[in-house]
C-alpha atoms as a PDB file:
ATOM      1  CA  MET A   1       0.000   0.000   0.000  1.00  0.00           C
ATOM      2  CA  MET A   2       1.269   3.456  -0.923  1.00  0.00           C
ATOM      3  CA  THR A   3       1.075   6.167   1.710  1.00  0.00           C
ATOM      4  CA  CYS A   4       2.739   9.470   2.479  1.00  0.00           C
ATOM      5  CA  LYS A   5       3.339  11.942   5.277  1.00  0.00           C
ATOM      6  CA  GLY A   6       0.100  13.251   6.729  1.00  0.00           C
ATOM      7  CA  ARG A   7      -1.823  10.086   5.867  1.00  0.00           C
ATOM      8  CA  GLU A   8      -0.380   7.733   8.448  1.00  0.00           C
ATOM      9  CA  LYS A   9      -3.804   7.310  10.119  1.00  0.00           C
ATOM     10  CA  LEU A  10      -5.266   6.056   6.840  1.00  0.00           C
ATOM     11  CA  ALA A  11      -2.448   3.534   6.453  1.00  0.00           C
ATOM     12  CA  ILE A  12      -2.852   2.297  10.039  1.00  0.00           C
ATOM     13  CA  LYS A  13      -6.605   1.796   9.559  1.00  0.00           C
ATOM     14  CA  ILE A  14      -6.075  -0.392   6.479  1.00  0.00           C
ATOM     15  CA  LYS A  15      -3.159  -2.236   8.111  1.00  0.00           C
ATOM     16  CA  GLU A  16      -5.499  -3.144  10.997  1.00  0.00           C
ATOM     17  CA  GLN A  17      -7.821  -4.817   8.470  1.00  0.00           C
ATOM     18  CA  ILE A  18      -4.974  -6.489   6.506  1.00  0.00           C
ATOM     19  CA  PRO A  19      -2.251  -7.310   9.061  1.00  0.00           C
ATOM     20  CA  ASN A  20       0.250  -8.763   6.533  1.00  0.00           C
ATOM     21  CA  LEU A  21       0.047  -5.643   4.345  1.00  0.00           C
ATOM     22  CA  ILE A  22       3.355  -4.104   3.257  1.00  0.00           C
ATOM     23  CA  VAL A  23       3.220  -0.320   3.631  1.00  0.00           C
ATOM     24  CA  ASN A  24       5.337   1.677   1.183  1.00  0.00           C
ATOM     25  CA  TYR A  25       5.958   5.130   2.697  1.00  0.00           C
ATOM     26  CA  ASP A  26       6.713   8.005   0.361  1.00  0.00           C
ATOM     27  CA  ASP A  27       9.961   9.298   1.830  1.00  0.00           C
ATOM     28  CA  PHE A  28      11.348  10.857  -1.337  1.00  0.00           C
ATOM     29  CA  THR A  29      12.547  14.467  -1.299  1.00  0.00           C
ATOM     30  CA  ASP A  30      13.021  15.163  -5.015  1.00  0.00           C
ATOM     31  CA  ASN A  31       9.874  15.415  -7.174  1.00  0.00           C
ATOM     32  CA  GLY A  32      11.845  14.895 -10.347  1.00  0.00           C
ATOM     33  CA  LYS A  33       9.797  16.312 -13.204  1.00  0.00           C
ATOM     34  CA  PHE A  34       6.445  15.913 -11.407  1.00  0.00           C
ATOM     35  CA  THR A  35       4.488  18.043  -8.951  1.00  0.00           C
ATOM     36  CA  SER A  36       4.822  15.405  -6.212  1.00  0.00           C
ATOM     37  CA  THR A  37       7.069  12.493  -5.265  1.00  0.00           C
ATOM     38  CA  ALA A  38       4.182   9.990  -5.586  1.00  0.00           C
ATOM     39  CA  TRP A  39       5.514   8.669  -8.919  1.00  0.00           C
ATOM     40  CA  PHE A  40       8.623   7.347  -7.217  1.00  0.00           C
ATOM     41  CA  ASN A  41       6.530   5.717  -4.496  1.00  0.00           C
ATOM     42  CA  TYR A  42       4.434   3.850  -7.089  1.00  0.00           C
ATOM     43  CA  GLN A  43       7.601   2.914  -8.910  1.00  0.00           C
ATOM     44  CA  ARG A  44       9.073   1.532  -5.675  1.00  0.00           C
ATOM     45  CA  GLY A  45       5.841  -0.446  -5.112  1.00  0.00           C
ATOM     46  CA  TRP A  46       6.357  -2.222  -8.451  1.00  0.00           C
ATOM     47  CA  GLU A  47      10.009  -2.773  -7.597  1.00  0.00           C
ATOM     48  CA  ILE A  48       9.171  -4.258  -4.171  1.00  0.00           C
ATOM     49  CA  ALA A  49       6.708  -6.690  -5.767  1.00  0.00           C
ATOM     50  CA  GLY A  50       9.282  -7.730  -8.360  1.00  0.00           C
ATOM     51  CA  ASP A  51       8.343 -11.087  -9.906  1.00  0.00           C
ATOM     52  CA  ASP A  52       5.699 -11.840  -7.262  1.00  0.00           C
ATOM     53  CA  ALA A  53       1.972 -11.543  -7.837  1.00  0.00           C
ATOM     54  CA  CYS A  54       0.700  -8.611  -5.770  1.00  0.00           C
ATOM     55  CA  VAL A  55      -2.158  -6.310  -4.943  1.00  0.00           C
ATOM     56  CA  GLN A  56      -1.195  -2.640  -5.114  1.00  0.00           C
ATOM     57  CA  MET A  57      -3.393  -0.117  -3.302  1.00  0.00           C
ATOM     58  CA  ASP A  58      -3.552   3.469  -2.154  1.00  0.00           C
ATOM     59  CA  ASP A  59      -4.112   4.553   1.431  1.00  0.00           C
ATOM     60  CA  ASP A  60      -7.284   6.556   0.732  1.00  0.00           C
ATOM     61  CA  ILE A  61      -9.597   3.624   0.128  1.00  0.00           C
ATOM     62  CA  ILE A  62     -12.517   2.061   1.955  1.00  0.00           C
ATOM     63  CA  LEU A  63     -12.550  -1.728   1.958  1.00  0.00           C
ATOM     64  CA  THR A  64     -15.687  -3.795   1.454  1.00  0.00           C
ATOM     65  CA  LYS A  65     -16.735  -6.170   4.241  1.00  0.00           C
ATOM     66  CA  ASP A  66     -14.640  -9.374   4.173  1.00  0.00           C
ATOM     67  CA  PHE A  67     -12.258  -7.706   1.721  1.00  0.00           C
ATOM     68  CA  VAL A  68      -9.438 -10.257   1.977  1.00  0.00           C
ATOM     69  CA  LYS A  69     -11.781 -13.220   1.503  1.00  0.00           C
ATOM     70  CA  LYS A  70     -13.479 -11.570  -1.494  1.00  0.00           C
ATOM     71  CA  ILE A  71     -10.307 -10.426  -3.231  1.00  0.00           C
ATOM     72  CA  GLU A  72      -8.655 -13.827  -2.784  1.00  0.00           C
ATOM     73  CA  LYS A  73     -11.687 -15.492  -4.393  1.00  0.00           C
ATOM     74  CA  VAL A  74     -11.513 -13.214  -7.450  1.00  0.00           C
ATOM     75  CA  ILE A  75      -7.740 -13.655  -7.802  1.00  0.00           C
ATOM     76  CA  LEU A  76      -8.104 -17.459  -7.602  1.00  0.00           C
ATOM     77  CA  GLU A  77     -10.602 -17.258 -10.450  1.00  0.00           C
ATOM     78  CA  TYR A  78      -8.338 -15.015 -12.594  1.00  0.00           C
ATOM     79  CA  PRO A  79      -4.758 -15.644 -11.339  1.00  0.00           C
ATOM     80  CA  ASN A  80      -3.055 -14.653 -14.615  1.00  0.00           C
ATOM     81  CA  THR A  81      -5.101 -11.510 -15.254  1.00  0.00           C
ATOM     82  CA  ILE A  82      -4.530  -7.899 -14.228  1.00  0.00           C
ATOM     83  CA  ILE A  83      -7.610  -7.043 -12.155  1.00  0.00           C
ATOM     84  CA  GLN A  84      -8.853  -3.638 -11.086  1.00  0.00           C
ATOM     85  CA  PHE A  85     -11.044  -3.482  -7.978  1.00  0.00           C
ATOM     86  CA  PHE A  86     -12.037   0.193  -8.272  1.00  0.00           C
ATOM     87  CA  SER A  87     -13.687   2.022 -11.138  1.00  0.00           C
ATOM     88  CA  MET A  88     -16.003   4.977 -11.698  1.00  0.00           C
ATOM     89  CA  ARG A  89     -17.388   4.181 -15.135  1.00  0.00           C
ATOM     90  CA  LYS A  90     -20.996   4.025 -16.284  1.00  0.00           C
ATOM     91  CA  LYS A  91     -20.229   0.587 -17.777  1.00  0.00           C
ATOM     92  CA  ASP A  92     -19.741  -0.677 -14.213  1.00  0.00           C
ATOM     93  CA  ILE A  93     -23.508  -0.395 -13.756  1.00  0.00           C
ATOM     94  CA  ASP A  94     -24.601  -1.179 -17.323  1.00  0.00           C
ATOM     95  CA  ILE A  95     -22.283  -4.149 -17.968  1.00  0.00           C
ATOM     96  CA  GLY A  96     -20.563  -5.015 -14.667  1.00  0.00           C
ATOM     97  CA  THR A  97     -17.441  -7.178 -14.563  1.00  0.00           C
ATOM     98  CA  ARG A  98     -15.714  -7.080 -17.935  1.00  0.00           C
ATOM     99  CA  PHE A  99     -12.448  -7.158 -19.820  1.00  0.00           C
ATOM    100  CA  GLU A 100     -11.136  -3.954 -21.380  1.00  0.00           C
ATOM    101  CA  PRO A 101      -7.909  -3.006 -23.149  1.00  0.00           C
ATOM    102  CA  LEU A 102      -5.251  -2.186 -20.542  1.00  0.00           C
ATOM    103  CA  SER A 103      -4.670   1.016 -22.514  1.00  0.00           C
ATOM    104  CA  ASN A 104      -7.880   2.265 -20.779  1.00  0.00           C
ATOM    105  CA  PHE A 105      -6.459   1.759 -17.271  1.00  0.00           C
ATOM    106  CA  THR A 106      -7.125   4.618 -14.841  1.00  0.00           C
ATOM    107  CA  MET A 107      -7.570   5.051 -11.099  1.00  0.00           C
ATOM    108  CA  GLN A 108      -5.189   2.711  -9.344  1.00  0.00           C
ATOM    109  CA  GLN A 109      -6.808   2.671  -5.918  1.00  0.00           C
ATOM    110  CA  CYS A 110      -6.593  -1.139  -5.795  1.00  0.00           C
ATOM    111  CA  TYR A 111      -5.424  -3.554  -8.472  1.00  0.00           C
ATOM    112  CA  TYR A 112      -3.886  -7.003  -8.817  1.00  0.00           C
ATOM    113  CA  LEU A 113      -0.803  -7.809 -10.887  1.00  0.00           C
ATOM    114  CA  PRO A 114      -0.073 -11.457 -11.733  1.00  0.00           C
ATOM    115  CA  LYS A 115       3.349 -13.021 -11.247  1.00  0.00           C
ATOM    116  CA  GLY A 116       6.067 -11.163 -13.173  1.00  0.00           C
ATOM    117  CA  VAL A 117       3.936  -8.175 -14.218  1.00  0.00           C
ATOM    118  CA  ALA A 118       5.048  -5.682 -11.533  1.00  0.00           C
ATOM    119  CA  LYS A 119       8.677  -6.234 -12.545  1.00  0.00           C
ATOM    120  CA  LYS A 120       7.840  -5.576 -16.212  1.00  0.00           C
ATOM    121  CA  ILE A 121       5.926  -2.399 -15.351  1.00  0.00           C
ATOM    122  CA  TYR A 122       8.800  -1.281 -13.116  1.00  0.00           C
ATOM    123  CA  GLU A 123      11.294  -1.769 -15.952  1.00  0.00           C
ATOM    124  CA  PHE A 124       8.989   0.068 -18.383  1.00  0.00           C
ATOM    125  CA  SER A 125       8.518   2.924 -15.882  1.00  0.00           C
ATOM    126  CA  HIS A 126      12.117   4.060 -16.442  1.00  0.00           C
ATOM    127  CA  ILE A 127      11.486   4.402 -20.190  1.00  0.00           C
ATOM    128  CA  PHE A 128       8.105   6.058 -19.566  1.00  0.00           C
ATOM    129  CA  TYR A 129       9.681   8.606 -17.204  1.00  0.00           C
ATOM    130  CA  LYS A 130      11.957   9.818 -19.967  1.00  0.00           C
ATOM    131  CA  TYR A 131       9.214  10.493 -22.513  1.00  0.00           C
ATOM    132  CA  THR A 132       6.160  11.469 -20.496  1.00  0.00           C
ATOM    133  CA  GLU A 133       5.188  15.124 -20.414  1.00  0.00           C
ATOM    134  CA  HIS A 134       2.531  14.763 -17.700  1.00  0.00           C
ATOM    135  CA  LYS A 135       3.256  16.959 -14.712  1.00  0.00           C
ATOM    136  CA  PHE A 136       1.145  15.121 -12.135  1.00  0.00           C
ATOM    137  CA  CYS A 137       1.966  11.561 -11.062  1.00  0.00           C
ATOM    138  CA  PRO A 138       1.158   9.555 -14.222  1.00  0.00           C
ATOM    139  CA  SER A 139       1.555   6.061 -12.752  1.00  0.00           C
ATOM    140  CA  ASP A 140      -1.816   4.866 -14.071  1.00  0.00           C
ATOM    141  CA  ILE A 141      -0.911   6.306 -17.481  1.00  0.00           C
ATOM    142  CA  ALA A 142       2.374   4.363 -17.360  1.00  0.00           C
ATOM    143  CA  ILE A 143       0.409   1.138 -16.761  1.00  0.00           C
ATOM    144  CA  ALA A 144      -1.930   2.029 -19.644  1.00  0.00           C
ATOM    145  CA  ASP A 145       0.999   2.779 -21.985  1.00  0.00           C
ATOM    146  CA  TRP A 146       2.715  -0.487 -21.034  1.00  0.00           C
ATOM    147  CA  GLY A 147      -0.555  -2.356 -21.630  1.00  0.00           C
ATOM    148  CA  LYS A 148      -1.045  -0.685 -24.995  1.00  0.00           C
ATOM    149  CA  ALA A 149       2.493  -1.543 -26.093  1.00  0.00           C
ATOM    150  CA  ASN A 150       1.898  -5.172 -25.111  1.00  0.00           C
ATOM    151  CA  LYS A 151      -1.697  -5.368 -26.422  1.00  0.00           C
ATOM    152  CA  MET A 152      -2.973  -6.517 -23.037  1.00  0.00           C
ATOM    153  CA  GLN A 153      -6.380  -6.577 -21.429  1.00  0.00           C
ATOM    154  CA  TYR A 154      -7.427  -6.304 -17.814  1.00  0.00           C
ATOM    155  CA  LEU A 155     -10.502  -7.184 -15.811  1.00  0.00           C
ATOM    156  CA  ILE A 156     -12.589  -4.517 -14.122  1.00  0.00           C
ATOM    157  CA  TYR A 157     -14.309  -6.330 -11.267  1.00  0.00           C
ATOM    158  CA  CYS A 158     -17.791  -5.296 -10.167  1.00  0.00           C
ATOM    159  CA  PRO A 159     -19.081  -4.709  -7.635  1.00  0.00           C
ATOM    160  CA  ASN A 160     -15.908  -2.859  -6.749  1.00  0.00           C
ATOM    161  CA  LEU A 161     -14.202  -4.166  -3.614  1.00  0.00           C
ATOM    162  CA  VAL A 162     -12.877  -0.741  -2.613  1.00  0.00           C
ATOM    163  CA  ASP A 163     -14.146   2.800  -2.751  1.00  0.00           C
ATOM    164  CA  HIS A 164     -12.247   6.067  -2.813  1.00  0.00           C
ATOM    165  CA  MET A 165     -12.582   8.285   0.261  1.00  0.00           C
ATOM    166  CA  GLN A 166     -13.999  11.742  -0.338  1.00  0.00           C
ATOM    167  CA  GLU A 167     -10.685  13.497   0.163  1.00  0.00           C
ATOM    168  CA  ARG A 168      -8.654  15.893  -1.938  1.00  0.00           C
ATOM    169  CA  SER A 169      -5.916  14.328  -3.996  1.00  0.00           C
ATOM    170  CA  MET A 170      -2.419  14.567  -2.514  1.00  0.00           C
ATOM    171  CA  ILE A 171      -1.036  14.429  -6.049  1.00  0.00           C
ATOM    172  CA  ASN A 172      -3.250  16.999  -7.764  1.00  0.00           C
ATOM    173  CA  LYS A 173      -4.953  19.434  -5.382  1.00  0.00           C
ATOM    174  CA  ILE A 174      -7.391  20.669  -8.033  1.00  0.00           C
ATOM    175  CA  ARG A 175      -8.975  17.227  -8.515  1.00  0.00           C
ATOM    176  CA  SER A 176     -12.439  16.792  -7.093  1.00  0.00           C
ATOM    177  CA  ALA A 177     -12.841  14.818  -3.871  1.00  0.00           C
ATOM    178  CA  LYS A 178     -15.896  13.227  -5.495  1.00  0.00           C
ATOM    179  CA  ARG A 179     -14.231  10.237  -7.135  1.00  0.00           C
ATOM    180  CA  GLN A 180     -16.330   7.353  -5.878  1.00  0.00           C
ATOM    181  CA  SER A 181     -17.262   3.940  -7.263  1.00  0.00           C
ATOM    182  CA  LYS A 182     -20.695   3.423  -8.792  1.00  0.00           C
ATOM    183  CA  THR A 183     -20.857  -0.211  -7.617  1.00  0.00           C
ATOM    184  CA  PHE A 184     -19.086  -0.367  -4.236  1.00  0.00           C
ATOM    185  CA  GLN A 185     -20.944  -2.264  -1.555  1.00  0.00           C
ATOM    186  CA  PRO A 186     -19.629  -1.681   1.978  1.00  0.00           C
END
C-alpha cells in the first residue's frame, strides 16, 4: 500500500484490516519532473513486488466487508489476469465485470498484478519517465501505456471491492474529492 506523510492514520486503519500488508511510505525528497514524489513511491511499489503476484493499493480507500476473503476469491478465479477493484465508469452499472484493453487503465486505488507483471511495469517505468510530459503523477498512465504496447487486457471487477474516500488528492490538489465507485458495496 502506498502512503505518504500526513496520511499515516489512513495507512494504520487499512493495516489493521490487513495485518500482513506491506506499507510503502513516500519518503522521497526530489519530485523529479512531477508536482509530487508519488511517482517514485508507485515505482518503488512495483520494484518491491518484483516477480511476485501482488495487490497494489492506495491509502485513501474504503474496503468492502470481508475484503481479503473476497479479493482472494476473485484472484483465484483469474490468477493470470490484471484485475482492477475500483472504477467509476458508467459501464460498471450497465455491464458489470468485464475485460477492457489495458490502454484504458485509470484510477489505481486497488489492483492485482499477476506473477512477473510488476517487474515488467517497473522496468517500463524508467522508459516512460523519460518520454512522459505529464506533470502530475502519471503512474496509471504508465500502466496504460505499457498495456497498450503489449496489447494486453485487464478485468474490471464489479461490484468494486474498494471505494475512494472523499478526500482531496495529494497528487493533484485541483482534482475533485468526489471520485467514488458506482458499484461499491460496503
